[in-house]
Amino acid sequence: MGKVPSVADGDQVITELVAIFLHLADRFPDKHLAPAIGDAARGPYLRWMVYYNSCFEPALMDKAQNNPPPPPARCSYRDFETMLDVLCAQLAKGPCLLGERFSAADILWTTALGWTTQWKLVPERPEIMAYLARQGGRPAAKKIQDEDADLAAKQKAEGDGAPPAT
């Protein structure tokens, strides 16, 4: 299907963003990014991973395209504000989506909320901005931000490969 993103793991090809996150978090349990099967946090973890695709993305797309939400019997998210209220209530509960426990869900949601607030697709609600600040302050996040800045500077210095403007 020409899907992006996709990940090859041996002879398996995994597409769909959330499926990739779930696969990689389970594939590398030593990184502690996913509660194990049987862990009480597994259900909430799966909920927030799937909420991204089943509620957030459809609500975001409908809002961006100025579409009204589908009728309640066919709608996974009710309406944009309700979907966002549910998410913000969870973000307000702790530093991470699972309270004190960092997981792949936080990587997914930090990325999504980062770009959607930057592009003004999602309002900069206090719960969202506080969550982004907490997650962005993590040492691993700072390391990635520094690496991204270095890469951007290197690409700028080398040029972007586009022909010169005439």
N, C-alpha and C. Protein backbone atom coordinates (compact mmCIF):
# COMPACT_ATOMS: atom_id res chain seq x y z
N MET A 1 0.82 -1.21 0.00
CA MET A 1 0.00 0.00 0.00
C MET A 1 0.86 1.27 0.00
N GLY A 2 2.18 1.12 0.09
CA GLY A 2 3.04 2.29 0.11
C GLY A 2 2.89 3.09 1.39
N LYS A 3 2.61 2.41 2.51
CA LYS A 3 2.32 3.08 3.77
C LYS A 3 3.59 3.63 4.43
N VAL A 4 3.46 4.81 4.98
CA VAL A 4 4.50 5.42 5.79
C VAL A 4 3.82 5.86 7.06
N PRO A 5 4.28 5.57 8.22
CA PRO A 5 5.52 4.84 8.45
C PRO A 5 5.32 3.33 8.31
N SER A 6 6.44 2.66 8.13
CA SER A 6 6.48 1.21 8.18
C SER A 6 7.81 0.79 8.77
N VAL A 7 7.83 -0.38 9.37
CA VAL A 7 9.04 -0.91 10.00
C VAL A 7 9.19 -2.36 9.55
N ALA A 8 10.40 -2.70 9.16
CA ALA A 8 10.71 -4.09 8.86
C ALA A 8 11.41 -4.68 10.08
N ASP A 9 10.90 -5.80 10.56
CA ASP A 9 11.49 -6.51 11.69
C ASP A 9 11.65 -7.95 11.24
N GLY A 10 12.86 -8.29 10.81
CA GLY A 10 13.07 -9.60 10.22
C GLY A 10 12.29 -9.64 8.92
N ASP A 11 11.47 -10.68 8.75
CA ASP A 11 10.67 -10.77 7.52
C ASP A 11 9.26 -10.20 7.70
N GLN A 12 9.02 -9.55 8.83
CA GLN A 12 7.72 -8.91 9.08
C GLN A 12 7.80 -7.44 8.67
N VAL A 13 6.73 -6.95 8.07
CA VAL A 13 6.61 -5.52 7.80
C VAL A 13 5.40 -5.05 8.59
N ILE A 14 5.62 -4.07 9.43
CA ILE A 14 4.54 -3.53 10.27
C ILE A 14 4.24 -2.13 9.79
N THR A 15 2.97 -1.86 9.51
CA THR A 15 2.52 -0.52 9.17
C THR A 15 1.51 -0.09 10.23
N GLU A 16 1.07 1.11 10.13
CA GLU A 16 0.13 1.74 11.06
C GLU A 16 0.91 2.19 12.30
N LEU A 17 0.90 3.47 12.53
CA LEU A 17 1.71 4.08 13.58
C LEU A 17 1.56 3.40 14.94
N VAL A 18 0.35 3.22 15.39
CA VAL A 18 0.14 2.62 16.71
C VAL A 18 0.60 1.17 16.73
N ALA A 19 0.38 0.44 15.66
CA ALA A 19 0.86 -0.95 15.59
C ALA A 19 2.39 -0.99 15.70
N ILE A 20 3.06 -0.05 15.07
CA ILE A 20 4.53 0.01 15.17
C ILE A 20 4.95 0.28 16.61
N PHE A 21 4.31 1.24 17.25
CA PHE A 21 4.62 1.54 18.66
C PHE A 21 4.40 0.31 19.53
N LEU A 22 3.25 -0.33 19.38
CA LEU A 22 2.94 -1.51 20.19
C LEU A 22 3.95 -2.63 19.93
N HIS A 23 4.26 -2.87 18.68
CA HIS A 23 5.21 -3.92 18.33
C HIS A 23 6.58 -3.66 18.94
N LEU A 24 7.10 -2.46 18.73
CA LEU A 24 8.45 -2.17 19.22
C LEU A 24 8.53 -2.16 20.74
N ALA A 25 7.50 -1.63 21.39
CA ALA A 25 7.51 -1.61 22.86
C ALA A 25 7.48 -3.03 23.41
N ASP A 26 6.71 -3.91 22.80
CA ASP A 26 6.67 -5.31 23.25
C ASP A 26 7.91 -6.08 22.81
N ARG A 27 8.47 -5.72 21.68
CA ARG A 27 9.64 -6.42 21.13
C ARG A 27 10.88 -6.20 21.99
N PHE A 28 10.95 -5.07 22.66
CA PHE A 28 12.11 -4.73 23.49
C PHE A 28 11.67 -4.48 24.93
N PRO A 29 11.27 -5.54 25.64
CA PRO A 29 10.74 -5.37 26.99
C PRO A 29 11.75 -4.77 27.97
N ASP A 30 13.03 -4.93 27.70
CA ASP A 30 14.06 -4.38 28.58
C ASP A 30 14.04 -2.85 28.62
N LYS A 31 13.37 -2.22 27.67
CA LYS A 31 13.26 -0.75 27.65
C LYS A 31 12.10 -0.25 28.52
N HIS A 32 11.25 -1.16 28.97
CA HIS A 32 10.15 -0.84 29.89
C HIS A 32 9.19 0.22 29.34
N LEU A 33 8.88 0.11 28.05
CA LEU A 33 7.96 1.06 27.43
C LEU A 33 6.53 0.56 27.36
N ALA A 34 6.30 -0.70 27.73
CA ALA A 34 4.95 -1.26 27.71
C ALA A 34 4.76 -2.14 28.93
N PRO A 35 3.67 -1.95 29.66
CA PRO A 35 3.37 -2.88 30.75
C PRO A 35 3.18 -4.29 30.17
N ALA A 36 3.69 -5.27 30.85
CA ALA A 36 3.59 -6.65 30.39
C ALA A 36 2.14 -7.15 30.50
N ILE A 37 1.84 -8.17 29.71
CA ILE A 37 0.53 -8.82 29.84
C ILE A 37 0.41 -9.30 31.28
N GLY A 38 -0.71 -9.04 31.88
CA GLY A 38 -0.92 -9.39 33.29
C GLY A 38 -0.68 -8.23 34.24
N ASP A 39 0.05 -7.23 33.82
CA ASP A 39 0.30 -6.03 34.62
C ASP A 39 -0.99 -5.21 34.65
N ALA A 40 -1.36 -4.69 35.79
CA ALA A 40 -2.59 -3.91 35.92
C ALA A 40 -2.61 -2.67 35.02
N ALA A 41 -1.44 -2.18 34.64
CA ALA A 41 -1.37 -0.99 33.80
C ALA A 41 -1.52 -1.32 32.31
N ARG A 42 -1.56 -2.61 31.96
CA ARG A 42 -1.63 -2.99 30.54
C ARG A 42 -2.91 -2.48 29.87
N GLY A 43 -4.05 -2.65 30.51
CA GLY A 43 -5.31 -2.19 29.93
C GLY A 43 -5.33 -0.69 29.70
N PRO A 44 -5.01 0.13 30.72
CA PRO A 44 -4.96 1.58 30.48
C PRO A 44 -3.94 1.96 29.41
N TYR A 45 -2.81 1.29 29.38
CA TYR A 45 -1.80 1.55 28.34
C TYR A 45 -2.40 1.30 26.95
N LEU A 46 -3.03 0.15 26.77
CA LEU A 46 -3.64 -0.16 25.47
C LEU A 46 -4.75 0.84 25.12
N ARG A 47 -5.51 1.23 26.14
CA ARG A 47 -6.57 2.21 25.88
C ARG A 47 -6.00 3.48 25.28
N TRP A 48 -4.95 4.03 25.88
CA TRP A 48 -4.41 5.31 25.41
C TRP A 48 -3.67 5.17 24.10
N MET A 49 -3.12 3.99 23.83
CA MET A 49 -2.50 3.77 22.53
C MET A 49 -3.59 3.75 21.44
N VAL A 50 -4.66 3.04 21.68
CA VAL A 50 -5.72 2.89 20.68
C VAL A 50 -6.58 4.16 20.59
N TYR A 51 -6.72 4.89 21.69
CA TYR A 51 -7.50 6.13 21.67
C TYR A 51 -6.95 7.10 20.62
N TYR A 52 -5.64 7.07 20.44
CA TYR A 52 -5.02 7.93 19.43
C TYR A 52 -5.66 7.70 18.06
N ASN A 53 -5.68 6.43 17.62
CA ASN A 53 -6.22 6.12 16.29
C ASN A 53 -7.74 6.11 16.23
N SER A 54 -8.38 5.66 17.28
CA SER A 54 -9.83 5.48 17.20
C SER A 54 -10.62 6.74 17.53
N CYS A 55 -10.04 7.64 18.29
CA CYS A 55 -10.76 8.86 18.68
C CYS A 55 -10.05 10.14 18.25
N PHE A 56 -8.79 10.28 18.63
CA PHE A 56 -8.06 11.53 18.37
C PHE A 56 -7.95 11.82 16.87
N GLU A 57 -7.40 10.88 16.10
CA GLU A 57 -7.21 11.15 14.67
C GLU A 57 -8.52 11.41 13.93
N PRO A 58 -9.56 10.59 14.12
CA PRO A 58 -10.81 10.91 13.41
C PRO A 58 -11.39 12.27 13.82
N ALA A 59 -11.34 12.59 15.09
CA ALA A 59 -11.87 13.89 15.54
C ALA A 59 -11.04 15.03 14.97
N LEU A 60 -9.74 14.86 14.96
CA LEU A 60 -8.84 15.88 14.42
C LEU A 60 -9.09 16.09 12.92
N MET A 61 -9.23 15.01 12.19
CA MET A 61 -9.48 15.12 10.74
C MET A 61 -10.81 15.79 10.45
N ASP A 62 -11.84 15.39 11.20
CA ASP A 62 -13.14 16.03 10.99
C ASP A 62 -13.08 17.53 11.30
N LYS A 63 -12.40 17.87 12.39
CA LYS A 63 -12.28 19.28 12.76
C LYS A 63 -11.49 20.05 11.71
N ALA A 64 -10.37 19.49 11.27
CA ALA A 64 -9.51 20.17 10.29
C ALA A 64 -10.24 20.39 8.97
N GLN A 65 -11.14 19.48 8.63
CA GLN A 65 -11.87 19.57 7.37
C GLN A 65 -13.25 20.23 7.54
N ASN A 66 -13.49 20.74 8.74
CA ASN A 66 -14.77 21.38 9.06
C ASN A 66 -15.97 20.47 8.83
N ASN A 67 -15.77 19.18 9.08
CA ASN A 67 -16.87 18.21 9.00
C ASN A 67 -17.54 18.09 10.36
N PRO A 68 -18.83 18.00 10.41
CA PRO A 68 -19.48 17.72 11.70
C PRO A 68 -19.18 16.27 12.09
N PRO A 69 -19.18 15.97 13.38
CA PRO A 69 -18.98 14.57 13.75
C PRO A 69 -20.10 13.70 13.19
N PRO A 70 -19.79 12.44 12.91
CA PRO A 70 -20.85 11.54 12.45
C PRO A 70 -21.92 11.37 13.52
N PRO A 71 -23.06 10.80 13.16
CA PRO A 71 -24.09 10.53 14.17
C PRO A 71 -23.52 9.65 15.29
N PRO A 72 -23.98 9.83 16.52
CA PRO A 72 -23.42 9.11 17.66
C PRO A 72 -23.30 7.59 17.47
N ALA A 73 -24.23 6.97 16.81
CA ALA A 73 -24.17 5.51 16.62
C ALA A 73 -23.02 5.09 15.71
N ARG A 74 -22.46 6.03 14.94
CA ARG A 74 -21.35 5.71 14.04
C ARG A 74 -20.08 6.46 14.38
N CYS A 75 -20.03 7.08 15.54
CA CYS A 75 -18.91 7.94 15.89
C CYS A 75 -18.15 7.39 17.10
N SER A 76 -16.86 7.24 16.95
CA SER A 76 -16.04 6.70 18.04
C SER A 76 -15.64 7.77 19.06
N TYR A 77 -15.83 9.03 18.74
CA TYR A 77 -15.30 10.09 19.60
C TYR A 77 -16.32 11.10 20.10
N ARG A 78 -17.56 10.96 19.79
CA ARG A 78 -18.67 11.86 20.13
C ARG A 78 -18.54 13.21 19.44
N ASP A 79 -17.61 14.06 19.87
CA ASP A 79 -17.30 15.31 19.20
C ASP A 79 -15.89 15.72 19.62
N PHE A 80 -15.30 16.67 18.93
CA PHE A 80 -13.91 17.04 19.18
C PHE A 80 -13.68 17.47 20.63
N GLU A 81 -14.53 18.34 21.14
CA GLU A 81 -14.33 18.85 22.51
C GLU A 81 -14.44 17.73 23.55
N THR A 82 -15.39 16.83 23.37
CA THR A 82 -15.52 15.71 24.31
C THR A 82 -14.28 14.83 24.26
N MET A 83 -13.82 14.52 23.05
CA MET A 83 -12.62 13.72 22.90
C MET A 83 -11.44 14.38 23.62
N LEU A 84 -11.30 15.69 23.43
CA LEU A 84 -10.19 16.42 24.05
C LEU A 84 -10.37 16.51 25.56
N ASP A 85 -11.59 16.67 26.04
CA ASP A 85 -11.85 16.69 27.49
C ASP A 85 -11.40 15.39 28.14
N VAL A 86 -11.71 14.27 27.50
CA VAL A 86 -11.33 12.95 28.04
C VAL A 86 -9.81 12.85 28.13
N LEU A 87 -9.13 13.24 27.06
CA LEU A 87 -7.67 13.20 27.05
C LEU A 87 -7.07 14.13 28.09
N CYS A 88 -7.56 15.35 28.16
CA CYS A 88 -7.02 16.32 29.12
C CYS A 88 -7.24 15.89 30.57
N ALA A 89 -8.35 15.26 30.84
CA ALA A 89 -8.60 14.76 32.20
C ALA A 89 -7.53 13.73 32.57
N GLN A 90 -7.13 12.90 31.63
CA GLN A 90 -6.08 11.92 31.91
C GLN A 90 -4.72 12.59 32.05
N LEU A 91 -4.42 13.54 31.19
CA LEU A 91 -3.13 14.23 31.25
C LEU A 91 -2.94 14.96 32.58
N ALA A 92 -4.03 15.44 33.15
CA ALA A 92 -3.97 16.18 34.41
C ALA A 92 -3.68 15.29 35.61
N LYS A 93 -3.81 13.97 35.45
CA LYS A 93 -3.67 13.05 36.59
C LYS A 93 -2.23 12.77 37.00
N GLY A 94 -1.30 12.99 36.13
CA GLY A 94 0.06 12.65 36.52
C GLY A 94 1.07 13.11 35.50
N PRO A 95 2.30 12.90 35.79
CA PRO A 95 3.30 13.35 34.83
C PRO A 95 3.21 12.59 33.50
N CYS A 96 2.70 11.36 33.55
CA CYS A 96 2.60 10.51 32.36
C CYS A 96 1.16 10.04 32.19
N LEU A 97 0.85 9.48 31.06
CA LEU A 97 -0.50 8.97 30.83
C LEU A 97 -0.87 7.87 31.81
N LEU A 98 0.13 7.10 32.25
CA LEU A 98 -0.12 6.04 33.23
C LEU A 98 0.27 6.49 34.63
N GLY A 99 0.09 7.77 34.91
CA GLY A 99 0.45 8.30 36.23
C GLY A 99 1.93 8.57 36.30
N GLU A 100 2.63 7.87 37.17
CA GLU A 100 4.07 8.05 37.33
C GLU A 100 4.88 7.25 36.31
N ARG A 101 4.23 6.35 35.61
CA ARG A 101 4.93 5.39 34.75
C ARG A 101 5.01 5.87 33.30
N PHE A 102 6.21 6.10 32.82
CA PHE A 102 6.45 6.48 31.43
C PHE A 102 6.29 5.25 30.54
N SER A 103 5.68 5.45 29.36
CA SER A 103 5.48 4.33 28.44
C SER A 103 5.54 4.83 27.00
N ALA A 104 5.44 3.89 26.08
CA ALA A 104 5.39 4.23 24.66
C ALA A 104 4.20 5.15 24.37
N ALA A 105 3.15 5.06 25.16
CA ALA A 105 2.00 5.95 24.97
C ALA A 105 2.42 7.41 25.12
N ASP A 106 3.34 7.68 26.02
CA ASP A 106 3.80 9.05 26.20
C ASP A 106 4.61 9.54 25.00
N ILE A 107 5.37 8.66 24.38
CA ILE A 107 6.11 9.04 23.18
C ILE A 107 5.13 9.37 22.06
N LEU A 108 4.15 8.50 21.88
CA LEU A 108 3.12 8.71 20.85
C LEU A 108 2.40 10.03 21.06
N TRP A 109 1.89 10.24 22.28
CA TRP A 109 1.07 11.42 22.54
C TRP A 109 1.89 12.70 22.59
N THR A 110 3.12 12.65 23.08
CA THR A 110 3.95 13.85 23.08
C THR A 110 4.21 14.30 21.65
N THR A 111 4.52 13.35 20.79
CA THR A 111 4.75 13.69 19.38
C THR A 111 3.48 14.27 18.76
N ALA A 112 2.36 13.58 18.94
CA ALA A 112 1.10 14.02 18.33
C ALA A 112 0.67 15.38 18.85
N LEU A 113 0.69 15.55 20.16
CA LEU A 113 0.24 16.82 20.72
C LEU A 113 1.22 17.95 20.42
N GLY A 114 2.49 17.61 20.29
CA GLY A 114 3.49 18.62 19.93
C GLY A 114 3.20 19.24 18.57
N TRP A 115 3.03 18.39 17.56
CA TRP A 115 2.81 18.96 16.23
C TRP A 115 1.40 19.51 16.06
N THR A 116 0.41 18.92 16.71
CA THR A 116 -0.95 19.43 16.52
C THR A 116 -1.18 20.76 17.24
N THR A 117 -0.50 20.98 18.36
CA THR A 117 -0.60 22.31 18.99
C THR A 117 0.24 23.32 18.22
N GLN A 118 1.39 22.89 17.73
CA GLN A 118 2.24 23.79 16.94
C GLN A 118 1.50 24.30 15.71
N TRP A 119 0.74 23.44 15.06
CA TRP A 119 0.00 23.81 13.86
C TRP A 119 -1.40 24.32 14.17
N LYS A 120 -1.69 24.52 15.45
CA LYS A 120 -2.97 25.09 15.90
C LYS A 120 -4.17 24.23 15.54
N LEU A 121 -3.95 22.93 15.40
CA LEU A 121 -5.06 22.00 15.18
C LEU A 121 -5.70 21.59 16.49
N VAL A 122 -4.93 21.66 17.55
CA VAL A 122 -5.39 21.37 18.91
C VAL A 122 -5.09 22.60 19.75
N PRO A 123 -6.05 23.04 20.56
CA PRO A 123 -5.80 24.22 21.37
C PRO A 123 -4.75 23.96 22.45
N GLU A 124 -4.04 25.00 22.82
CA GLU A 124 -3.00 24.91 23.84
C GLU A 124 -3.62 24.93 25.24
N ARG A 125 -4.38 23.92 25.54
CA ARG A 125 -4.99 23.83 26.86
C ARG A 125 -3.89 23.66 27.92
N PRO A 126 -4.13 24.15 29.14
CA PRO A 126 -3.11 24.06 30.19
C PRO A 126 -2.63 22.63 30.44
N GLU A 127 -3.54 21.66 30.43
CA GLU A 127 -3.15 20.26 30.69
C GLU A 127 -2.22 19.75 29.59
N ILE A 128 -2.51 20.13 28.37
CA ILE A 128 -1.68 19.69 27.24
C ILE A 128 -0.30 20.33 27.31
N MET A 129 -0.27 21.62 27.54
CA MET A 129 1.02 22.32 27.55
C MET A 129 1.88 21.88 28.73
N ALA A 130 1.26 21.63 29.88
CA ALA A 130 2.02 21.14 31.04
C ALA A 130 2.57 19.74 30.75
N TYR A 131 1.76 18.91 30.13
CA TYR A 131 2.20 17.55 29.76
C TYR A 131 3.38 17.62 28.80
N LEU A 132 3.26 18.46 27.77
CA LEU A 132 4.35 18.59 26.81
C LEU A 132 5.62 19.11 27.47
N ALA A 133 5.48 20.04 28.40
CA ALA A 133 6.66 20.55 29.10
C ALA A 133 7.31 19.46 29.95
N ARG A 134 6.49 18.67 30.65
CA ARG A 134 7.04 17.57 31.46
C ARG A 134 7.77 16.56 30.59
N GLN A 135 7.12 16.17 29.51
CA GLN A 135 7.72 15.15 28.65
C GLN A 135 8.94 15.70 27.91
N GLY A 136 8.89 16.94 27.48
CA GLY A 136 10.02 17.55 26.80
C GLY A 136 11.21 17.79 27.70
N GLY A 137 10.97 17.81 29.00
CA GLY A 137 12.05 18.01 29.96
C GLY A 137 12.79 16.74 30.34
N ARG A 138 12.33 15.61 29.88
CA ARG A 138 13.00 14.34 30.17
C ARG A 138 14.37 14.32 29.50
N PRO A 139 15.40 13.75 30.15
CA PRO A 139 16.73 13.73 29.54
C PRO A 139 16.75 13.11 28.14
N ALA A 140 16.02 12.03 27.93
CA ALA A 140 16.01 11.39 26.60
C ALA A 140 15.40 12.33 25.57
N ALA A 141 14.36 13.06 25.95
CA ALA A 141 13.72 13.99 25.02
C ALA A 141 14.68 15.14 24.69
N LYS A 142 15.38 15.64 25.68
CA LYS A 142 16.35 16.71 25.43
C LYS A 142 17.46 16.23 24.50
N LYS A 143 17.90 14.99 24.68
CA LYS A 143 18.94 14.44 23.81
C LYS A 143 18.46 14.40 22.36
N ILE A 144 17.24 13.94 22.15
CA ILE A 144 16.68 13.87 20.79
C ILE A 144 16.52 15.28 20.21
N GLN A 145 16.08 16.23 21.02
CA GLN A 145 15.92 17.60 20.55
C GLN A 145 17.27 18.16 20.10
N ASP A 146 18.33 17.89 20.89
CA ASP A 146 19.67 18.35 20.52
C ASP A 146 20.15 17.70 19.23
N GLU A 147 19.91 16.40 19.10
CA GLU A 147 20.31 15.68 17.88
C GLU A 147 19.54 16.22 16.67
N ASP A 148 18.25 16.50 16.84
CA ASP A 148 17.45 17.07 15.74
C ASP A 148 17.99 18.44 15.34
N ALA A 149 18.34 19.26 16.32
CA ALA A 149 18.87 20.59 16.03
C ALA A 149 20.20 20.49 15.30
N ASP A 150 21.06 19.56 15.72
CA ASP A 150 22.35 19.36 15.04
C ASP A 150 22.13 18.91 13.60
N LEU A 151 21.20 17.99 13.39
CA LEU A 151 20.91 17.49 12.05
C LEU A 151 20.36 18.62 11.17
N ALA A 152 19.46 19.42 11.72
CA ALA A 152 18.88 20.53 10.96
C ALA A 152 19.97 21.53 10.57
N ALA A 153 20.89 21.83 11.49
CA ALA A 153 21.97 22.75 11.20
C ALA A 153 22.90 22.18 10.12
N LYS A 154 23.17 20.89 10.20
CA LYS A 154 24.02 20.24 9.19
C LYS A 154 23.34 20.28 7.83
N GLN A 155 22.05 19.98 7.77
CA GLN A 155 21.33 20.02 6.50
C GLN A 155 21.29 21.43 5.93
N LYS A 156 21.13 22.42 6.78
CA LYS A 156 21.10 23.80 6.32
C LYS A 156 22.46 24.20 5.75
N ALA A 157 23.52 23.79 6.44
CA ALA A 157 24.88 24.12 5.99
C ALA A 157 25.20 23.45 4.66
N GLU A 158 24.69 22.24 4.46
CA GLU A 158 24.94 21.49 3.22
C GLU A 158 23.96 21.87 2.11
N GLY A 159 22.94 22.60 2.44
CA GLY A 159 21.89 22.89 1.48
C GLY A 159 20.89 21.78 1.49
N ASP A 160 19.70 22.06 1.01
CA ASP A 160 18.63 21.06 1.08
C ASP A 160 18.54 20.20 -0.17
N GLY A 161 19.47 20.38 -1.11
CA GLY A 161 19.44 19.56 -2.32
C GLY A 161 18.57 20.14 -3.41
N ALA A 162 17.83 21.19 -3.11
CA ALA A 162 16.97 21.80 -4.12
C ALA A 162 17.83 22.69 -5.03
N PRO A 163 17.44 22.83 -6.29
CA PRO A 163 18.19 23.71 -7.18
C PRO A 163 18.09 25.16 -6.70
N PRO A 164 19.09 25.96 -6.98
CA PRO A 164 19.02 27.37 -6.54
C PRO A 164 17.84 28.09 -7.18
N ALA A 165 17.26 28.99 -6.43
CA ALA A 165 16.14 29.79 -6.94
C ALA A 165 16.65 30.70 -8.04
N THR A 166 15.86 30.90 -9.05
CA THR A 166 16.26 31.78 -10.15
C THR A 166 15.39 33.00 -10.21
